[in-house]
PDB file of all heavy atoms in Angstrom:
ATOM      1  N   ARG A   1      -6.198   9.747  -5.734  1.00  0.00           N
ATOM      2  CA  ARG A   1      -5.542   8.587  -6.354  1.00  0.00           C
ATOM      3  C   ARG A   1      -4.865   7.674  -5.289  1.00  0.00           C
ATOM      4  O   ARG A   1      -4.910   6.438  -5.370  1.00  0.00           O
ATOM      5  CB  ARG A   1      -4.507   9.017  -7.369  1.00  0.00           C
ATOM      6  CG  ARG A   1      -5.014   9.905  -8.499  1.00  0.00           C
ATOM      7  CD  ARG A   1      -5.907   9.130  -9.461  1.00  0.00           C
ATOM      8  NE  ARG A   1      -7.302   8.983  -8.947  1.00  0.00           N
ATOM      9  CZ  ARG A   1      -8.192   8.155  -9.442  1.00  0.00           C
ATOM     10  NH1 ARG A   1      -7.941   7.390 -10.466  1.00  0.00           N
ATOM     11  NH2 ARG A   1      -9.397   8.108  -8.934  1.00  0.00           N
ATOM     12  N   VAL A   2      -4.255   8.349  -4.320  1.00  0.00           N
ATOM     13  CA  VAL A   2      -3.655   7.559  -3.183  1.00  0.00           C
ATOM     14  C   VAL A   2      -4.671   6.735  -2.467  1.00  0.00           C
ATOM     15  O   VAL A   2      -4.500   5.550  -2.205  1.00  0.00           O
ATOM     16  CB  VAL A   2      -2.905   8.532  -2.266  1.00  0.00           C
ATOM     17  CG1 VAL A   2      -2.484   7.796  -0.978  1.00  0.00           C
ATOM     18  CG2 VAL A   2      -1.698   9.194  -2.939  1.00  0.00           C
ATOM     19  N   ALA A   3      -5.763   7.415  -2.122  1.00  0.00           N
ATOM     20  CA  ALA A   3      -6.863   6.672  -1.363  1.00  0.00           C
ATOM     21  C   ALA A   3      -7.406   5.558  -2.202  1.00  0.00           C
ATOM     22  O   ALA A   3      -7.651   4.426  -1.635  1.00  0.00           O
ATOM     23  CB  ALA A   3      -7.931   7.684  -1.004  1.00  0.00           C
ATOM     24  N   ARG A   4      -7.615   5.765  -3.462  1.00  0.00           N
ATOM     25  CA  ARG A   4      -8.185   4.660  -4.294  1.00  0.00           C
ATOM     26  C   ARG A   4      -7.190   3.489  -4.401  1.00  0.00           C
ATOM     27  O   ARG A   4      -7.622   2.339  -4.270  1.00  0.00           O
ATOM     28  CB  ARG A   4      -8.546   5.169  -5.687  1.00  0.00           C
ATOM     29  CG  ARG A   4      -9.119   4.099  -6.610  1.00  0.00           C
ATOM     30  CD  ARG A   4      -9.514   4.618  -7.958  1.00  0.00           C
ATOM     31  NE  ARG A   4     -10.018   3.540  -8.774  1.00  0.00           N
ATOM     32  CZ  ARG A   4     -11.280   3.104  -8.775  1.00  0.00           C
ATOM     33  NH1 ARG A   4     -12.171   3.607  -8.019  1.00  0.00           N
ATOM     34  NH2 ARG A   4     -11.600   2.035  -9.567  1.00  0.00           N
ATOM     35  N   LEU A   5      -5.902   3.768  -4.626  1.00  0.00           N
ATOM     36  CA  LEU A   5      -4.964   2.669  -4.721  1.00  0.00           C
ATOM     37  C   LEU A   5      -4.851   1.932  -3.413  1.00  0.00           C
ATOM     38  O   LEU A   5      -4.784   0.662  -3.399  1.00  0.00           O
ATOM     39  CB  LEU A   5      -3.600   3.200  -5.138  1.00  0.00           C
ATOM     40  CG  LEU A   5      -2.496   2.182  -5.255  1.00  0.00           C
ATOM     41  CD1 LEU A   5      -2.914   0.989  -6.170  1.00  0.00           C
ATOM     42  CD2 LEU A   5      -1.209   2.774  -5.758  1.00  0.00           C
ATOM     43  N   ARG A   6      -4.794   2.637  -2.292  1.00  0.00           N
ATOM     44  CA  ARG A   6      -4.720   1.959  -1.006  1.00  0.00           C
ATOM     45  C   ARG A   6      -5.900   1.055  -0.765  1.00  0.00           C
ATOM     46  O   ARG A   6      -5.768  -0.099  -0.309  1.00  0.00           O
ATOM     47  CB  ARG A   6      -4.650   2.985   0.141  1.00  0.00           C
ATOM     48  CG  ARG A   6      -3.297   3.679   0.299  1.00  0.00           C
ATOM     49  CD  ARG A   6      -3.258   4.432   1.610  1.00  0.00           C
ATOM     50  NE  ARG A   6      -2.024   5.194   1.784  1.00  0.00           N
ATOM     51  CZ  ARG A   6      -0.936   4.689   2.221  1.00  0.00           C
ATOM     52  NH1 ARG A   6      -0.812   3.409   2.526  1.00  0.00           N
ATOM     53  NH2 ARG A   6       0.185   5.445   2.361  1.00  0.00           N
ATOM     54  N   ALA A   7      -7.103   1.507  -1.106  1.00  0.00           N
ATOM     55  CA  ALA A   7      -8.280   0.675  -0.970  1.00  0.00           C
ATOM     56  C   ALA A   7      -8.222  -0.543  -1.844  1.00  0.00           C
ATOM     57  O   ALA A   7      -8.611  -1.636  -1.439  1.00  0.00           O
ATOM     58  CB  ALA A   7      -9.521   1.550  -1.326  1.00  0.00           C
ATOM     59  N   ARG A   8      -7.771  -0.424  -3.046  1.00  0.00           N
ATOM     60  CA  ARG A   8      -7.655  -1.561  -3.968  1.00  0.00           C
ATOM     61  C   ARG A   8      -6.604  -2.557  -3.529  1.00  0.00           C
ATOM     62  O   ARG A   8      -6.822  -3.776  -3.557  1.00  0.00           O
ATOM     63  CB  ARG A   8      -7.309  -1.083  -5.360  1.00  0.00           C
ATOM     64  CG  ARG A   8      -8.434  -0.283  -6.040  1.00  0.00           C
ATOM     65  CD  ARG A   8      -9.606  -1.127  -6.487  1.00  0.00           C
ATOM     66  NE  ARG A   8      -9.204  -1.863  -7.649  1.00  0.00           N
ATOM     67  CZ  ARG A   8      -9.106  -3.196  -7.739  1.00  0.00           C
ATOM     68  NH1 ARG A   8      -9.360  -3.938  -6.685  1.00  0.00           N
ATOM     69  NH2 ARG A   8      -8.801  -3.766  -8.875  1.00  0.00           N
ATOM     70  N   LEU A   9      -5.459  -2.068  -2.989  1.00  0.00           N
ATOM     71  CA  LEU A   9      -4.461  -2.959  -2.411  1.00  0.00           C
ATOM     72  C   LEU A   9      -5.007  -3.718  -1.248  1.00  0.00           C
ATOM     73  O   LEU A   9      -4.750  -4.986  -1.055  1.00  0.00           O
ATOM     74  CB  LEU A   9      -3.233  -2.168  -2.028  1.00  0.00           C
ATOM     75  CG  LEU A   9      -2.401  -1.553  -3.212  1.00  0.00           C
ATOM     76  CD1 LEU A   9      -1.319  -0.681  -2.577  1.00  0.00           C
ATOM     77  CD2 LEU A   9      -1.777  -2.644  -4.068  1.00  0.00           C
ATOM     78  N   ASP A  10      -5.699  -3.053  -0.398  1.00  0.00           N
ATOM     79  CA  ASP A  10      -6.305  -3.692   0.789  1.00  0.00           C
ATOM     80  C   ASP A  10      -7.326  -4.764   0.373  1.00  0.00           C
ATOM     81  O   ASP A  10      -7.308  -5.852   0.935  1.00  0.00           O
ATOM     82  CB  ASP A  10      -7.038  -2.687   1.653  1.00  0.00           C
ATOM     83  CG  ASP A  10      -6.091  -1.755   2.432  1.00  0.00           C
ATOM     84  OD1 ASP A  10      -4.927  -2.150   2.625  1.00  0.00           O
ATOM     85  OD2 ASP A  10      -6.508  -0.665   2.835  1.00  0.00           O
ATOM     86  N   ALA A  11      -8.143  -4.484  -0.593  1.00  0.00           N
ATOM     87  CA  ALA A  11      -9.174  -5.443  -1.124  1.00  0.00           C
ATOM     88  C   ALA A  11      -8.482  -6.692  -1.624  1.00  0.00           C
ATOM     89  O   ALA A  11      -9.048  -7.811  -1.506  1.00  0.00           O
ATOM     90  CB  ALA A  11      -9.997  -4.774  -2.162  1.00  0.00           C
ATOM     91  N   MET A  12      -7.301  -6.565  -2.205  1.00  0.00           N
ATOM     92  CA  MET A  12      -6.633  -7.682  -2.801  1.00  0.00           C
ATOM     93  C   MET A  12      -5.596  -8.335  -1.909  1.00  0.00           C
ATOM     94  O   MET A  12      -4.899  -9.282  -2.270  1.00  0.00           O
ATOM     95  CB  MET A  12      -5.968  -7.301  -4.143  1.00  0.00           C
ATOM     96  CG  MET A  12      -6.926  -6.756  -5.190  1.00  0.00           C
ATOM     97  SD  MET A  12      -8.355  -7.854  -5.491  1.00  0.00           S
ATOM     98  CE  MET A  12      -7.507  -9.277  -6.205  1.00  0.00           C
ATOM     99  N   GLY A  13      -5.443  -7.826  -0.673  1.00  0.00           N
ATOM    100  CA  GLY A  13      -4.544  -8.377   0.260  1.00  0.00           C
ATOM    101  C   GLY A  13      -3.047  -8.130   0.001  1.00  0.00           C
ATOM    102  O   GLY A  13      -2.197  -8.907   0.403  1.00  0.00           O
ATOM    103  N   ILE A  14      -2.811  -7.048  -0.706  1.00  0.00           N
ATOM    104  CA  ILE A  14      -1.367  -6.722  -0.987  1.00  0.00           C
ATOM    105  C   ILE A  14      -0.842  -5.882   0.206  1.00  0.00           C
ATOM    106  O   ILE A  14      -1.369  -4.780   0.435  1.00  0.00           O
ATOM    107  CB  ILE A  14      -1.205  -5.923  -2.314  1.00  0.00           C
ATOM    108  CG1 ILE A  14      -1.818  -6.661  -3.474  1.00  0.00           C
ATOM    109  CG2 ILE A  14       0.255  -5.601  -2.583  1.00  0.00           C
ATOM    110  CD1 ILE A  14      -1.157  -7.960  -3.769  1.00  0.00           C
ATOM    111  N   PRO A  15       0.116  -6.344   0.942  1.00  0.00           N
ATOM    112  CA  PRO A  15       0.584  -5.632   2.164  1.00  0.00           C
ATOM    113  C   PRO A  15       1.319  -4.302   1.778  1.00  0.00           C
ATOM    114  O   PRO A  15       2.231  -4.288   0.927  1.00  0.00           O
ATOM    115  CB  PRO A  15       1.579  -6.595   2.802  1.00  0.00           C
ATOM    116  CG  PRO A  15       2.063  -7.479   1.725  1.00  0.00           C
ATOM    117  CD  PRO A  15       0.927  -7.565   0.738  1.00  0.00           C
ATOM    118  N   HIS A  16       0.936  -3.239   2.418  1.00  0.00           N
ATOM    119  CA  HIS A  16       1.619  -1.991   2.229  1.00  0.00           C
ATOM    120  C   HIS A  16       1.641  -1.230   3.636  1.00  0.00           C
ATOM    121  O   HIS A  16       0.781  -1.459   4.428  1.00  0.00           O
ATOM    122  CB  HIS A  16       0.946  -1.097   1.219  1.00  0.00           C
ATOM    123  CG  HIS A  16      -0.523  -0.797   1.480  1.00  0.00           C
ATOM    124  ND1 HIS A  16      -0.962   0.329   2.054  1.00  0.00           N
ATOM    125  CD2 HIS A  16      -1.630  -1.605   1.278  1.00  0.00           C
ATOM    126  CE1 HIS A  16      -2.314   0.322   2.169  1.00  0.00           C
ATOM    127  NE2 HIS A  16      -2.709  -0.888   1.731  1.00  0.00           N
ATOM    128  N   MET A  17       2.678  -0.441   3.815  1.00  0.00           N
ATOM    129  CA  MET A  17       2.844   0.199   5.089  1.00  0.00           C
ATOM    130  C   MET A  17       1.732   1.265   5.186  1.00  0.00           C
ATOM    131  O   MET A  17       1.541   2.115   4.316  1.00  0.00           O
ATOM    132  CB  MET A  17       4.194   0.847   5.201  1.00  0.00           C
ATOM    133  CG  MET A  17       5.332  -0.152   5.205  1.00  0.00           C
ATOM    134  SD  MET A  17       6.974   0.590   5.552  1.00  0.00           S
ATOM    135  CE  MET A  17       6.842   0.859   7.343  1.00  0.00           C
ATOM    136  N   GLN A  18       1.103   1.315   6.352  1.00  0.00           N
ATOM    137  CA  GLN A  18       0.065   2.292   6.623  1.00  0.00           C
ATOM    138  C   GLN A  18       0.727   3.605   7.099  1.00  0.00           C
ATOM    139  O   GLN A  18       1.561   3.590   7.989  1.00  0.00           O
ATOM    140  CB  GLN A  18      -0.874   1.758   7.703  1.00  0.00           C
ATOM    141  CG  GLN A  18      -1.638   0.479   7.323  1.00  0.00           C
ATOM    142  CD  GLN A  18      -2.550   0.722   6.113  1.00  0.00           C
ATOM    143  OE1 GLN A  18      -3.150   1.822   5.935  1.00  0.00           O
ATOM    144  NE2 GLN A  18      -2.734  -0.312   5.290  1.00  0.00           N
ATOM    145  N   ASN A  19       0.343   4.703   6.463  1.00  0.00           N
ATOM    146  CA  ASN A  19       0.807   5.947   6.899  1.00  0.00           C
ATOM    147  C   ASN A  19      -0.205   7.016   6.452  1.00  0.00           C
ATOM    148  O   ASN A  19      -1.179   6.712   5.733  1.00  0.00           O
ATOM    149  CB  ASN A  19       2.232   6.303   6.346  1.00  0.00           C
ATOM    150  CG  ASN A  19       2.245   6.242   4.818  1.00  0.00           C
ATOM    151  OD1 ASN A  19       1.483   6.932   4.159  1.00  0.00           O
ATOM    152  ND2 ASN A  19       3.148   5.441   4.246  1.00  0.00           N
ATOM    153  N   ASP A  20       0.020   8.264   6.799  1.00  0.00           N
ATOM    154  CA  ASP A  20      -0.919   9.368   6.465  1.00  0.00           C
ATOM    155  C   ASP A  20      -0.425  10.206   5.308  1.00  0.00           C
ATOM    156  O   ASP A  20      -0.878  11.328   5.088  1.00  0.00           O
ATOM    157  CB  ASP A  20      -1.191  10.258   7.712  1.00  0.00           C
ATOM    158  CG  ASP A  20      -1.899   9.470   8.784  1.00  0.00           C
ATOM    159  OD1 ASP A  20      -2.764   8.639   8.443  1.00  0.00           O
ATOM    160  OD2 ASP A  20      -1.573   9.698   9.968  1.00  0.00           O
ATOM    161  N   SER A  21       0.564   9.715   4.588  1.00  0.00           N
ATOM    162  CA  SER A  21       1.177  10.540   3.512  1.00  0.00           C
ATOM    163  C   SER A  21       0.795   9.953   2.119  1.00  0.00           C
ATOM    164  O   SER A  21      -0.014   9.055   1.994  1.00  0.00           O
ATOM    165  CB  SER A  21       2.685  10.552   3.635  1.00  0.00           C
ATOM    166  OG  SER A  21       3.293   9.334   3.208  1.00  0.00           O
ATOM    167  N   HIS A  22       1.395  10.505   1.145  1.00  0.00           N
ATOM    168  CA  HIS A  22       1.215  10.126  -0.260  1.00  0.00           C
ATOM    169  C   HIS A  22       2.091   8.950  -0.741  1.00  0.00           C
ATOM    170  O   HIS A  22       1.977   8.508  -1.927  1.00  0.00           O
ATOM    171  CB  HIS A  22       1.438  11.316  -1.172  1.00  0.00           C
ATOM    172  CG  HIS A  22       2.817  11.939  -1.047  1.00  0.00           C
ATOM    173  ND1 HIS A  22       3.184  12.668   0.046  1.00  0.00           N
ATOM    174  CD2 HIS A  22       3.906  11.809  -1.788  1.00  0.00           C
ATOM    175  CE1 HIS A  22       4.444  13.011  -0.090  1.00  0.00           C
ATOM    176  NE2 HIS A  22       4.883  12.497  -1.203  1.00  0.00           N
ATOM    177  N   ILE A  23       2.934   8.457   0.156  1.00  0.00           N
ATOM    178  CA  ILE A  23       3.900   7.416  -0.221  1.00  0.00           C
ATOM    179  C   ILE A  23       3.385   6.061   0.195  1.00  0.00           C
ATOM    180  O   ILE A  23       3.014   5.857   1.338  1.00  0.00           O
ATOM    181  CB  ILE A  23       5.258   7.687   0.425  1.00  0.00           C
ATOM    182  CG1 ILE A  23       5.812   9.044  -0.127  1.00  0.00           C
ATOM    183  CG2 ILE A  23       6.202   6.566   0.209  1.00  0.00           C
ATOM    184  CD1 ILE A  23       6.968   9.638   0.671  1.00  0.00           C
ATOM    185  N   ILE A  24       3.306   5.107  -0.763  1.00  0.00           N
ATOM    186  CA  ILE A  24       2.780   3.760  -0.493  1.00  0.00           C
ATOM    187  C   ILE A  24       3.914   2.750  -0.636  1.00  0.00           C
ATOM    188  O   ILE A  24       4.240   2.323  -1.766  1.00  0.00           O
ATOM    189  CB  ILE A  24       1.627   3.452  -1.405  1.00  0.00           C
ATOM    190  CG1 ILE A  24       0.536   4.504  -1.344  1.00  0.00           C
ATOM    191  CG2 ILE A  24       1.058   2.043  -1.088  1.00  0.00           C
ATOM    192  CD1 ILE A  24      -0.621   4.285  -2.249  1.00  0.00           C
ATOM    193  N   PRO A  25       4.538   2.316   0.417  1.00  0.00           N
ATOM    194  CA  PRO A  25       5.591   1.282   0.340  1.00  0.00           C
ATOM    195  C   PRO A  25       4.956  -0.135   0.313  1.00  0.00           C
ATOM    196  O   PRO A  25       4.235  -0.459   1.322  1.00  0.00           O
ATOM    197  CB  PRO A  25       6.444   1.466   1.560  1.00  0.00           C
ATOM    198  CG  PRO A  25       5.912   2.751   2.245  1.00  0.00           C
ATOM    199  CD  PRO A  25       4.497   2.916   1.817  1.00  0.00           C
ATOM    200  N   VAL A  26       5.124  -0.889  -0.708  1.00  0.00           N
ATOM    201  CA  VAL A  26       4.671  -2.259  -0.809  1.00  0.00           C
ATOM    202  C   VAL A  26       5.844  -3.133  -0.435  1.00  0.00           C
ATOM    203  O   VAL A  26       6.848  -3.149  -1.112  1.00  0.00           O
ATOM    204  CB  VAL A  26       4.111  -2.601  -2.157  1.00  0.00           C
ATOM    205  CG1 VAL A  26       3.807  -4.070  -2.302  1.00  0.00           C
ATOM    206  CG2 VAL A  26       2.864  -1.772  -2.474  1.00  0.00           C
ATOM    207  N   MET A  27       5.734  -3.864   0.656  1.00  0.00           N
ATOM    208  CA  MET A  27       6.886  -4.516   1.254  1.00  0.00           C
ATOM    209  C   MET A  27       7.138  -5.890   0.587  1.00  0.00           C
ATOM    210  O   MET A  27       6.236  -6.706   0.321  1.00  0.00           O
ATOM    211  CB  MET A  27       6.616  -4.781   2.740  1.00  0.00           C
ATOM    212  CG  MET A  27       6.315  -3.464   3.504  1.00  0.00           C
ATOM    213  SD  MET A  27       7.485  -2.149   3.235  1.00  0.00           S
ATOM    214  CE  MET A  27       8.913  -2.834   4.145  1.00  0.00           C
ATOM    215  N   ILE A  28       8.434  -6.123   0.278  1.00  0.00           N
ATOM    216  CA  ILE A  28       8.894  -7.387  -0.319  1.00  0.00           C
ATOM    217  C   ILE A  28       9.761  -8.149   0.691  1.00  0.00           C
ATOM    218  O   ILE A  28       9.580  -9.332   0.943  1.00  0.00           O
ATOM    219  CB  ILE A  28       9.624  -7.188  -1.624  1.00  0.00           C
ATOM    220  CG1 ILE A  28       8.769  -6.272  -2.601  1.00  0.00           C
ATOM    221  CG2 ILE A  28       9.996  -8.470  -2.311  1.00  0.00           C
ATOM    222  CD1 ILE A  28       7.490  -6.838  -2.988  1.00  0.00           C
ATOM    223  N   GLY A  29      10.763  -7.512   1.214  1.00  0.00           N
ATOM    224  CA  GLY A  29      11.602  -8.070   2.287  1.00  0.00           C
ATOM    225  C   GLY A  29      12.742  -8.933   1.766  1.00  0.00           C
ATOM    226  O   GLY A  29      13.467  -9.590   2.539  1.00  0.00           O
ATOM    227  N   ASP A  30      13.028  -8.863   0.436  1.00  0.00           N
ATOM    228  CA  ASP A  30      14.159  -9.635  -0.111  1.00  0.00           C
ATOM    229  C   ASP A  30      14.679  -8.874  -1.334  1.00  0.00           C
ATOM    230  O   ASP A  30      13.879  -8.550  -2.214  1.00  0.00           O
ATOM    231  CB  ASP A  30      13.730 -11.036  -0.485  1.00  0.00           C
ATOM    232  CG  ASP A  30      14.842 -11.856  -1.146  1.00  0.00           C
ATOM    233  OD1 ASP A  30      15.585 -12.461  -0.369  1.00  0.00           O
ATOM    234  OD2 ASP A  30      14.938 -11.825  -2.378  1.00  0.00           O
ATOM    235  N   PRO A  31      16.004  -8.591  -1.430  1.00  0.00           N
ATOM    236  CA  PRO A  31      16.475  -7.787  -2.517  1.00  0.00           C
ATOM    237  C   PRO A  31      16.415  -8.416  -3.852  1.00  0.00           C
ATOM    238  O   PRO A  31      16.046  -7.735  -4.884  1.00  0.00           O
ATOM    239  CB  PRO A  31      17.962  -7.505  -2.135  1.00  0.00           C
ATOM    240  CG  PRO A  31      18.333  -8.626  -1.195  1.00  0.00           C
ATOM    241  CD  PRO A  31      17.069  -8.910  -0.427  1.00  0.00           C
TER     242      PRO A  31
END
């Protein structure tokens, strides 16, 4: 599920921190 979601986010250009774990941080940068 992690791999599939990462691939879909990449395909749509949604920025997320690259790591080798199960945690996917999607960065916003503003509270």
